[in-house]
Amino acid sequence: MTDKLIVKKEGPVGHIIFNNVAKHNALSLDMWEAIKPAVDTHEADPEVKVIVVSGAGDKAFVAGADVSKYQEERMGENAQEHYARIGWEGMMALYNCSKTTIAALNGYCYGGGISVAVCCDLRYGSSTLQVAQPALRYGIGYRYKSLRLVVDVVGAAPTKELLLGAAVWNADEAYARGFVSRVEEAGEAFDGFIAKTAQRIAAGAPLTARQVKFAINQIVLDPQDRDLETAEEMFQACYASEDYAEGVTAFAEKRKPVFKGR
């Protein structure tokens, strides 16, 4: 692990915080390497129900890759393939995590920040959010599987606007294009909204959250890659669970349910 990635939890809420404030949380290889172990830590903790991914400081979520390290990390023999593999492993750890993930997008969300954000289930922006993908500036490329994650969220035309048009979206533009589902005023209002949303999700039925996430993730796969058998098994498991009985009983008794994930 690295001190540039903070992993902590507050009750049922796990946190993964990019912590490279001097460079607006720009991602270096060691930060990419730390993402999967960070996700695995929260995945293995039964107390954690939801994971919030954010950037340290008040200027950036992630301002792209750390370009100052390109020579060292991405230009030697096989270095780019190694970098790409490590990055993809981190992204897929987030994407396939069984627990609900929230990207709290404050300030700059550039390049690799977009890649991380689209792997989270929910994306919310502060009023200072700026979204850009300056690939043309550095002559870098993006594989089909990485671009597809962005297209799945915002569509083909807005993705071209980012990559070919070199657009920089402000918070309202990011909301209009579906990149974030809500914008809150930066500062205490945004932090409070993220905390409240995370707690609301954490109080819900975990089996339902996992089942819904898994099923939706199958929808965006190519048909031959979908695991519909597991999706159906998870659906049936919800109705056979103690949590389902608790939810119905709590509703009848006009009280908040206490879910146990079984």
C-alpha atoms as a PDB file:
ATOM      1  CA  MET A   1       0.000   0.000   0.000  1.00  0.00           C
ATOM      2  CA  THR A   2       0.988   3.656  -0.262  1.00  0.00           C
ATOM      3  CA  ASP A   3       0.320   6.756   1.803  1.00  0.00           C
ATOM      4  CA  LYS A   4      -1.087   8.253  -1.389  1.00  0.00           C
ATOM      5  CA  LEU A   5      -4.199   6.106  -0.930  1.00  0.00           C
ATOM      6  CA  ILE A   6      -6.040   6.270   2.387  1.00  0.00           C
ATOM      7  CA  VAL A   7      -8.246   3.334   3.406  1.00  0.00           C
ATOM      8  CA  LYS A   8     -10.513   3.740   6.427  1.00  0.00           C
ATOM      9  CA  LYS A   9     -14.032   3.053   7.611  1.00  0.00           C
ATOM     10  CA  GLU A  10     -16.650   4.887   9.611  1.00  0.00           C
ATOM     11  CA  GLY A  11     -19.162   2.333  10.855  1.00  0.00           C
ATOM     12  CA  PRO A  12     -20.774   0.709   7.802  1.00  0.00           C
ATOM     13  CA  VAL A  13     -19.117   3.124   5.364  1.00  0.00           C
ATOM     14  CA  GLY A  14     -15.721   2.288   3.905  1.00  0.00           C
ATOM     15  CA  HIS A  15     -13.579   5.046   2.406  1.00  0.00           C
ATOM     16  CA  ILE A  16     -10.938   5.009  -0.316  1.00  0.00           C
ATOM     17  CA  ILE A  17      -9.278   8.421  -0.595  1.00  0.00           C
ATOM     18  CA  PHE A  18      -6.765   9.454  -3.247  1.00  0.00           C
ATOM     19  CA  ASN A  19      -4.135  11.402  -1.354  1.00  0.00           C
ATOM     20  CA  ASN A  20      -1.670  13.157  -3.640  1.00  0.00           C
ATOM     21  CA  VAL A  21      -2.788  16.690  -2.840  1.00  0.00           C
ATOM     22  CA  ALA A  22       0.345  18.445  -4.122  1.00  0.00           C
ATOM     23  CA  LYS A  23      -0.454  17.078  -7.611  1.00  0.00           C
ATOM     24  CA  HIS A  24      -4.239  17.339  -7.354  1.00  0.00           C
ATOM     25  CA  ASN A  25      -4.411  13.590  -6.616  1.00  0.00           C
ATOM     26  CA  ALA A  26      -2.879  12.656  -9.970  1.00  0.00           C
ATOM     27  CA  LEU A  27      -2.453   8.896 -10.202  1.00  0.00           C
ATOM     28  CA  SER A  28       0.945   7.224 -10.145  1.00  0.00           C
ATOM     29  CA  LEU A  29       1.533   3.505 -10.560  1.00  0.00           C
ATOM     30  CA  ASP A  30       1.728   2.860  -6.824  1.00  0.00           C
ATOM     31  CA  MET A  31      -1.705   4.459  -6.399  1.00  0.00           C
ATOM     32  CA  TRP A  32      -3.194   2.247  -9.116  1.00  0.00           C
ATOM     33  CA  GLU A  33      -1.576  -0.777  -7.440  1.00  0.00           C
ATOM     34  CA  ALA A  34      -3.185   0.129  -4.117  1.00  0.00           C
ATOM     35  CA  ILE A  35      -6.768   0.313  -5.413  1.00  0.00           C
ATOM     36  CA  LYS A  36      -7.448  -3.437  -5.585  1.00  0.00           C
ATOM     37  CA  PRO A  37      -6.105  -4.204  -2.083  1.00  0.00           C
ATOM     38  CA  ALA A  38      -8.126  -1.259  -0.759  1.00  0.00           C
ATOM     39  CA  VAL A  39     -11.329  -2.563  -2.342  1.00  0.00           C
ATOM     40  CA  ASP A  40     -10.545  -6.103  -1.162  1.00  0.00           C
ATOM     41  CA  THR A  41     -10.143  -4.829   2.410  1.00  0.00           C
ATOM     42  CA  HIS A  42     -13.647  -3.353   2.408  1.00  0.00           C
ATOM     43  CA  GLU A  43     -15.084  -6.295   0.463  1.00  0.00           C
ATOM     44  CA  ALA A  44     -13.869  -8.704   3.157  1.00  0.00           C
ATOM     45  CA  ASP A  45     -15.215  -6.604   6.042  1.00  0.00           C
ATOM     46  CA  PRO A  46     -18.806  -7.664   6.875  1.00  0.00           C
ATOM     47  CA  GLU A  47     -19.407  -4.375   8.689  1.00  0.00           C
ATOM     48  CA  VAL A  48     -18.842  -2.335   5.522  1.00  0.00           C
ATOM     49  CA  LYS A  49     -21.978  -1.965   3.419  1.00  0.00           C
ATOM     50  CA  VAL A  50     -21.018   0.885   1.079  1.00  0.00           C
ATOM     51  CA  ILE A  51     -17.729   2.324  -0.192  1.00  0.00           C
ATOM     52  CA  VAL A  52     -17.121   6.025  -0.860  1.00  0.00           C
ATOM     53  CA  VAL A  53     -14.282   6.896  -3.248  1.00  0.00           C
ATOM     54  CA  SER A  54     -13.037  10.491  -3.027  1.00  0.00           C
ATOM     55  CA  GLY A  55     -10.024  12.780  -3.359  1.00  0.00           C
ATOM     56  CA  ALA A  56      -8.166  14.471  -0.520  1.00  0.00           C
ATOM     57  CA  GLY A  57      -8.257  18.255  -0.296  1.00  0.00           C
ATOM     58  CA  ASP A  58     -10.772  20.576  -1.905  1.00  0.00           C
ATOM     59  CA  LYS A  59      -9.300  20.908  -5.399  1.00  0.00           C
ATOM     60  CA  ALA A  60      -9.591  17.515  -7.061  1.00  0.00           C
ATOM     61  CA  PHE A  61     -11.014  14.041  -7.138  1.00  0.00           C
ATOM     62  CA  VAL A  62      -8.263  12.824  -9.483  1.00  0.00           C
ATOM     63  CA  ALA A  63      -6.559  15.157 -11.957  1.00  0.00           C
ATOM     64  CA  GLY A  64      -5.574  12.384 -14.356  1.00  0.00           C
ATOM     65  CA  ALA A  65      -2.306  10.473 -14.381  1.00  0.00           C
ATOM     66  CA  ASP A  66       0.904  11.799 -12.884  1.00  0.00           C
ATOM     67  CA  VAL A  67       2.531  12.903 -16.148  1.00  0.00           C
ATOM     68  CA  SER A  68       5.842  13.580 -14.375  1.00  0.00           C
ATOM     69  CA  LYS A  69       6.180   9.816 -13.957  1.00  0.00           C
ATOM     70  CA  TYR A  70       5.410   8.842 -17.576  1.00  0.00           C
ATOM     71  CA  GLN A  71       9.098   8.392 -18.426  1.00  0.00           C
ATOM     72  CA  GLU A  72       9.645   6.181 -15.405  1.00  0.00           C
ATOM     73  CA  GLU A  73       6.396   4.224 -15.351  1.00  0.00           C
ATOM     74  CA  ARG A  74       5.058   4.017 -18.908  1.00  0.00           C
ATOM     75  CA  MET A  75       7.886   4.278 -21.461  1.00  0.00           C
ATOM     76  CA  GLY A  76      10.265   1.378 -20.755  1.00  0.00           C
ATOM     77  CA  GLU A  77      10.070  -2.070 -22.354  1.00  0.00           C
ATOM     78  CA  ASN A  78       6.606  -3.514 -21.605  1.00  0.00           C
ATOM     79  CA  ALA A  79       6.083  -0.678 -19.111  1.00  0.00           C
ATOM     80  CA  GLN A  80       2.868   0.557 -20.694  1.00  0.00           C
ATOM     81  CA  GLU A  81       1.344  -2.934 -20.709  1.00  0.00           C
ATOM     82  CA  HIS A  82       2.251  -3.369 -17.058  1.00  0.00           C
ATOM     83  CA  TYR A  83       0.776   0.038 -16.210  1.00  0.00           C
ATOM     84  CA  ALA A  84      -2.398  -0.738 -18.165  1.00  0.00           C
ATOM     85  CA  ARG A  85      -2.806  -4.153 -16.511  1.00  0.00           C
ATOM     86  CA  ILE A  86      -2.408  -2.746 -13.007  1.00  0.00           C
ATOM     87  CA  GLY A  87      -4.834   0.076 -13.765  1.00  0.00           C
ATOM     88  CA  TRP A  88      -7.419  -2.311 -15.197  1.00  0.00           C
ATOM     89  CA  GLU A  89      -7.169  -4.589 -12.155  1.00  0.00           C
ATOM     90  CA  GLY A  90      -7.890  -1.640  -9.894  1.00  0.00           C
ATOM     91  CA  MET A  91     -10.796  -0.475 -12.019  1.00  0.00           C
ATOM     92  CA  MET A  92     -12.351  -3.939 -12.196  1.00  0.00           C
ATOM     93  CA  ALA A  93     -11.990  -4.385  -8.446  1.00  0.00           C
ATOM     94  CA  LEU A  94     -14.233  -1.345  -8.056  1.00  0.00           C
ATOM     95  CA  TYR A  95     -16.590  -2.305 -10.864  1.00  0.00           C
ATOM     96  CA  ASN A  96     -17.106  -5.892  -9.662  1.00  0.00           C
ATOM     97  CA  CYS A  97     -17.145  -5.170  -5.937  1.00  0.00           C
ATOM     98  CA  SER A  98     -20.325  -6.663  -4.481  1.00  0.00           C
ATOM     99  CA  LYS A  99     -20.889  -3.605  -2.305  1.00  0.00           C
ATOM    100  CA  THR A 100     -22.342  -0.326  -3.538  1.00  0.00           C
ATOM    101  CA  THR A 101     -19.693   2.208  -4.503  1.00  0.00           C
ATOM    102  CA  ILE A 102     -20.053   5.995  -4.569  1.00  0.00           C
ATOM    103  CA  ALA A 103     -17.704   8.365  -6.404  1.00  0.00           C
ATOM    104  CA  ALA A 104     -17.700  11.732  -4.615  1.00  0.00           C
ATOM    105  CA  LEU A 105     -16.449  14.010  -7.376  1.00  0.00           C
ATOM    106  CA  ASN A 106     -15.080  17.309  -6.152  1.00  0.00           C
ATOM    107  CA  GLY A 107     -13.020  19.620  -8.378  1.00  0.00           C
ATOM    108  CA  TYR A 108     -10.882  18.135 -11.148  1.00  0.00           C
ATOM    109  CA  CYS A 109     -11.934  14.762 -12.541  1.00  0.00           C
ATOM    110  CA  TYR A 110      -9.573  14.297 -15.460  1.00  0.00           C
ATOM    111  CA  GLY A 111      -8.251  11.315 -17.405  1.00  0.00           C
ATOM    112  CA  GLY A 112      -7.765   8.440 -14.986  1.00  0.00           C
ATOM    113  CA  GLY A 113     -10.224  10.089 -12.632  1.00  0.00           C
ATOM    114  CA  ILE A 114     -12.950   9.471 -15.199  1.00  0.00           C
ATOM    115  CA  SER A 115     -11.823   5.852 -15.494  1.00  0.00           C
ATOM    116  CA  VAL A 116     -12.183   5.381 -11.743  1.00  0.00           C
ATOM    117  CA  ALA A 117     -15.475   7.262 -11.528  1.00  0.00           C
ATOM    118  CA  VAL A 118     -17.259   5.225 -14.222  1.00  0.00           C
ATOM    119  CA  CYS A 119     -16.362   2.027 -12.341  1.00  0.00           C
ATOM    120  CA  CYS A 120     -18.384   3.220  -9.348  1.00  0.00           C
ATOM    121  CA  ASP A 121     -22.120   2.559  -9.107  1.00  0.00           C
ATOM    122  CA  LEU A 122     -23.101   6.111  -8.201  1.00  0.00           C
ATOM    123  CA  ARG A 123     -21.455   9.404  -9.114  1.00  0.00           C
ATOM    124  CA  TYR A 124     -22.259  12.699  -7.439  1.00  0.00           C
ATOM    125  CA  GLY A 125     -20.581  16.019  -8.154  1.00  0.00           C
ATOM    126  CA  SER A 126     -19.843  19.153  -6.200  1.00  0.00           C
ATOM    127  CA  SER A 127     -20.426  22.542  -7.794  1.00  0.00           C
ATOM    128  CA  THR A 128     -16.671  22.813  -8.491  1.00  0.00           C
ATOM    129  CA  LEU A 129     -16.560  19.650 -10.610  1.00  0.00           C
ATOM    130  CA  GLN A 130     -14.628  19.802 -13.898  1.00  0.00           C
ATOM    131  CA  VAL A 131     -14.507  16.765 -16.183  1.00  0.00           C
ATOM    132  CA  ALA A 132     -12.004  16.372 -19.022  1.00  0.00           C
ATOM    133  CA  GLN A 133     -10.105  13.684 -20.895  1.00  0.00           C
ATOM    134  CA  PRO A 134      -7.048  15.384 -22.483  1.00  0.00           C
ATOM    135  CA  ALA A 135      -5.798  12.350 -24.433  1.00  0.00           C
ATOM    136  CA  LEU A 136      -4.929  14.407 -27.518  1.00  0.00           C
ATOM    137  CA  ARG A 137      -2.474  16.463 -25.485  1.00  0.00           C
ATOM    138  CA  TYR A 138      -0.227  13.484 -24.734  1.00  0.00           C
ATOM    139  CA  GLY A 139      -0.749  11.178 -27.700  1.00  0.00           C
ATOM    140  CA  ILE A 140      -2.041   8.354 -25.539  1.00  0.00           C
ATOM    141  CA  GLY A 141      -4.598   5.755 -26.593  1.00  0.00           C
ATOM    142  CA  TYR A 142      -7.540   4.047 -24.926  1.00  0.00           C
ATOM    143  CA  ARG A 143      -8.498   0.429 -25.374  1.00  0.00           C
ATOM    144  CA  TYR A 144     -11.999  -0.580 -26.369  1.00  0.00           C
ATOM    145  CA  LYS A 145     -12.825  -2.019 -22.947  1.00  0.00           C
ATOM    146  CA  SER A 146     -11.877   1.225 -21.185  1.00  0.00           C
ATOM    147  CA  LEU A 147     -13.808   3.419 -23.610  1.00  0.00           C
ATOM    148  CA  ARG A 148     -16.832   1.172 -23.333  1.00  0.00           C
ATOM    149  CA  LEU A 149     -17.084   1.883 -19.613  1.00  0.00           C
ATOM    150  CA  VAL A 150     -17.399   5.601 -20.369  1.00  0.00           C
ATOM    151  CA  VAL A 151     -19.813   5.059 -23.264  1.00  0.00           C
ATOM    152  CA  ASP A 152     -21.998   2.867 -21.029  1.00  0.00           C
ATOM    153  CA  VAL A 153     -22.398   5.853 -18.701  1.00  0.00           C
ATOM    154  CA  VAL A 154     -22.720   8.899 -20.975  1.00  0.00           C
ATOM    155  CA  GLY A 155     -23.116   7.515 -24.503  1.00  0.00           C
ATOM    156  CA  ALA A 156     -20.948   7.645 -27.618  1.00  0.00           C
ATOM    157  CA  ALA A 157     -21.424  11.300 -28.584  1.00  0.00           C
ATOM    158  CA  PRO A 158     -20.441  12.802 -25.198  1.00  0.00           C
ATOM    159  CA  THR A 159     -17.464  10.420 -25.025  1.00  0.00           C
ATOM    160  CA  LYS A 160     -16.290  11.741 -28.397  1.00  0.00           C
ATOM    161  CA  GLU A 161     -16.847  15.270 -27.113  1.00  0.00           C
ATOM    162  CA  LEU A 162     -14.429  14.565 -24.264  1.00  0.00           C
ATOM    163  CA  LEU A 163     -11.764  12.718 -26.246  1.00  0.00           C
ATOM    164  CA  LEU A 164     -11.952  14.257 -29.709  1.00  0.00           C
ATOM    165  CA  GLY A 165     -13.445  17.630 -28.876  1.00  0.00           C
ATOM    166  CA  ALA A 166     -11.197  18.178 -25.847  1.00  0.00           C
ATOM    167  CA  ALA A 167     -14.235  19.405 -23.931  1.00  0.00           C
ATOM    168  CA  VAL A 168     -14.084  20.468 -20.300  1.00  0.00           C
ATOM    169  CA  TRP A 169     -17.448  19.944 -18.614  1.00  0.00           C
ATOM    170  CA  ASN A 170     -18.446  21.960 -15.601  1.00  0.00           C
ATOM    171  CA  ALA A 171     -20.724  20.438 -12.971  1.00  0.00           C
ATOM    172  CA  ASP A 172     -23.952  21.371 -14.751  1.00  0.00           C
ATOM    173  CA  GLU A 173     -22.688  20.004 -18.076  1.00  0.00           C
ATOM    174  CA  ALA A 174     -21.570  16.775 -16.403  1.00  0.00           C
ATOM    175  CA  TYR A 175     -25.061  16.438 -14.929  1.00  0.00           C
ATOM    176  CA  ALA A 176     -26.765  17.182 -18.251  1.00  0.00           C
ATOM    177  CA  ARG A 177     -24.738  14.428 -19.944  1.00  0.00           C
ATOM    178  CA  GLY A 178     -25.487  11.879 -17.230  1.00  0.00           C
ATOM    179  CA  PHE A 179     -21.966  11.650 -15.876  1.00  0.00           C
ATOM    180  CA  VAL A 180     -23.223  12.560 -12.406  1.00  0.00           C
ATOM    181  CA  SER A 181     -26.761  12.073 -11.153  1.00  0.00           C
ATOM    182  CA  ARG A 182     -26.754  15.053  -8.789  1.00  0.00           C
ATOM    183  CA  VAL A 183     -24.768  18.226  -8.078  1.00  0.00           C
ATOM    184  CA  GLU A 184     -24.474  19.789  -4.627  1.00  0.00           C
ATOM    185  CA  GLU A 185     -22.816  23.012  -3.503  1.00  0.00           C
ATOM    186  CA  ALA A 186     -19.152  22.381  -2.718  1.00  0.00           C
ATOM    187  CA  GLY A 187     -18.099  22.181   0.915  1.00  0.00           C
ATOM    188  CA  GLU A 188     -20.286  21.152   3.819  1.00  0.00           C
ATOM    189  CA  ALA A 189     -23.402  20.675   1.671  1.00  0.00           C
ATOM    190  CA  PHE A 190     -21.617  18.226  -0.632  1.00  0.00           C
ATOM    191  CA  ASP A 191     -19.875  16.361   2.188  1.00  0.00           C
ATOM    192  CA  GLY A 192     -23.142  16.132   4.115  1.00  0.00           C
ATOM    193  CA  PHE A 193     -25.031  14.840   1.093  1.00  0.00           C
ATOM    194  CA  ILE A 194     -22.431  12.116   0.454  1.00  0.00           C
ATOM    195  CA  ALA A 195     -22.466  11.067   4.122  1.00  0.00           C
ATOM    196  CA  LYS A 196     -26.260  10.992   4.270  1.00  0.00           C
ATOM    197  CA  THR A 197     -26.529   9.017   1.022  1.00  0.00           C
ATOM    198  CA  ALA A 198     -23.940   6.481   2.176  1.00  0.00           C
ATOM    199  CA  GLN A 199     -25.744   5.952   5.474  1.00  0.00           C
ATOM    200  CA  ARG A 200     -29.079   5.514   3.709  1.00  0.00           C
ATOM    201  CA  ILE A 201     -27.619   2.853   1.427  1.00  0.00           C
ATOM    202  CA  ALA A 202     -25.877   1.153   4.365  1.00  0.00           C
ATOM    203  CA  ALA A 203     -29.197   0.854   6.186  1.00  0.00           C
ATOM    204  CA  GLY A 204     -30.760  -1.019   3.272  1.00  0.00           C
ATOM    205  CA  ALA A 205     -30.913  -4.736   2.577  1.00  0.00           C
ATOM    206  CA  PRO A 206     -27.409  -5.823   1.464  1.00  0.00           C
ATOM    207  CA  LEU A 207     -28.618  -8.899  -0.435  1.00  0.00           C
ATOM    208  CA  THR A 208     -30.909  -6.691  -2.513  1.00  0.00           C
ATOM    209  CA  ALA A 209     -28.121  -4.204  -3.234  1.00  0.00           C
ATOM    210  CA  ARG A 210     -25.777  -6.973  -4.367  1.00  0.00           C
ATOM    211  CA  GLN A 211     -28.436  -8.668  -6.495  1.00  0.00           C
ATOM    212  CA  VAL A 212     -29.491  -5.479  -8.253  1.00  0.00           C
ATOM    213  CA  LYS A 213     -25.895  -4.419  -8.912  1.00  0.00           C
ATOM    214  CA  PHE A 214     -24.967  -7.822 -10.311  1.00  0.00           C
ATOM    215  CA  ALA A 215     -28.035  -7.991 -12.558  1.00  0.00           C
ATOM    216  CA  ILE A 216     -27.531  -4.494 -13.974  1.00  0.00           C
ATOM    217  CA  ASN A 217     -23.872  -5.248 -14.653  1.00  0.00           C
ATOM    218  CA  GLN A 218     -24.977  -8.244 -16.738  1.00  0.00           C
ATOM    219  CA  ILE A 219     -27.247  -6.060 -18.875  1.00  0.00           C
ATOM    220  CA  VAL A 220     -24.356  -3.982 -20.227  1.00  0.00           C
ATOM    221  CA  LEU A 221     -22.267  -7.048 -21.121  1.00  0.00           C
ATOM    222  CA  ASP A 222     -22.366  -8.694 -24.532  1.00  0.00           C
ATOM    223  CA  PRO A 223     -25.076 -11.416 -24.493  1.00  0.00           C
ATOM    224  CA  GLN A 224     -22.595 -14.315 -24.598  1.00  0.00           C
ATOM    225  CA  ASP A 225     -20.821 -12.966 -21.529  1.00  0.00           C
ATOM    226  CA  ARG A 226     -23.872 -12.585 -19.285  1.00  0.00           C
ATOM    227  CA  ASP A 227     -24.214 -14.828 -16.234  1.00  0.00           C
ATOM    228  CA  LEU A 228     -27.995 -14.966 -16.095  1.00  0.00           C
ATOM    229  CA  GLU A 229     -28.036 -18.152 -14.028  1.00  0.00           C
ATOM    230  CA  THR A 230     -26.263 -16.460 -11.137  1.00  0.00           C
ATOM    231  CA  ALA A 231     -28.460 -13.384 -11.568  1.00  0.00           C
ATOM    232  CA  GLU A 232     -31.554 -15.568 -11.175  1.00  0.00           C
ATOM    233  CA  GLU A 233     -30.091 -17.398  -8.169  1.00  0.00           C
ATOM    234  CA  MET A 234     -29.389 -14.101  -6.440  1.00  0.00           C
ATOM    235  CA  PHE A 235     -32.922 -12.905  -7.214  1.00  0.00           C
ATOM    236  CA  GLN A 236     -34.465 -16.033  -5.680  1.00  0.00           C
ATOM    237  CA  ALA A 237     -32.150 -15.779  -2.669  1.00  0.00           C
ATOM    238  CA  CYS A 238     -33.590 -12.375  -1.798  1.00  0.00           C
ATOM    239  CA  TYR A 239     -37.084 -13.819  -1.388  1.00  0.00           C
ATOM    240  CA  ALA A 240     -35.790 -16.785   0.625  1.00  0.00           C
ATOM    241  CA  SER A 241     -33.807 -14.588   3.001  1.00  0.00           C
ATOM    242  CA  GLU A 242     -34.372 -13.581   6.599  1.00  0.00           C
ATOM    243  CA  ASP A 243     -33.950  -9.984   5.451  1.00  0.00           C
ATOM    244  CA  TYR A 244     -37.024 -10.240   3.212  1.00  0.00           C
ATOM    245  CA  ALA A 245     -39.101 -11.468   6.133  1.00  0.00           C
ATOM    246  CA  GLU A 246     -37.674  -8.698   8.307  1.00  0.00           C
ATOM    247  CA  GLY A 247     -38.467  -6.050   5.697  1.00  0.00           C
ATOM    248  CA  VAL A 248     -42.099  -7.129   5.395  1.00  0.00           C
ATOM    249  CA  THR A 249     -42.516  -7.436   9.161  1.00  0.00           C
ATOM    250  CA  ALA A 250     -40.934  -4.064   9.826  1.00  0.00           C
ATOM    251  CA  PHE A 251     -43.256  -2.424   7.299  1.00  0.00           C
ATOM    252  CA  ALA A 252     -46.311  -3.974   8.988  1.00  0.00           C
ATOM    253  CA  GLU A 253     -45.059  -2.882  12.403  1.00  0.00           C
ATOM    254  CA  LYS A 254     -44.220   0.620  11.143  1.00  0.00           C
ATOM    255  CA  ARG A 255     -40.598   0.496  12.240  1.00  0.00           C
ATOM    256  CA  LYS A 256     -37.207   0.618  10.570  1.00  0.00           C
ATOM    257  CA  PRO A 257     -35.972  -2.807   9.466  1.00  0.00           C
ATOM    258  CA  VAL A 258     -32.758  -4.274  10.840  1.00  0.00           C
ATOM    259  CA  PHE A 259     -31.088  -6.221   8.032  1.00  0.00           C
ATOM    260  CA  LYS A 260     -28.415  -8.840   8.648  1.00  0.00           C
ATOM    261  CA  GLY A 261     -27.455  -9.831   5.127  1.00  0.00           C
ATOM    262  CA  ARG A 262     -28.908 -13.311   5.316  1.00  0.00           C
END
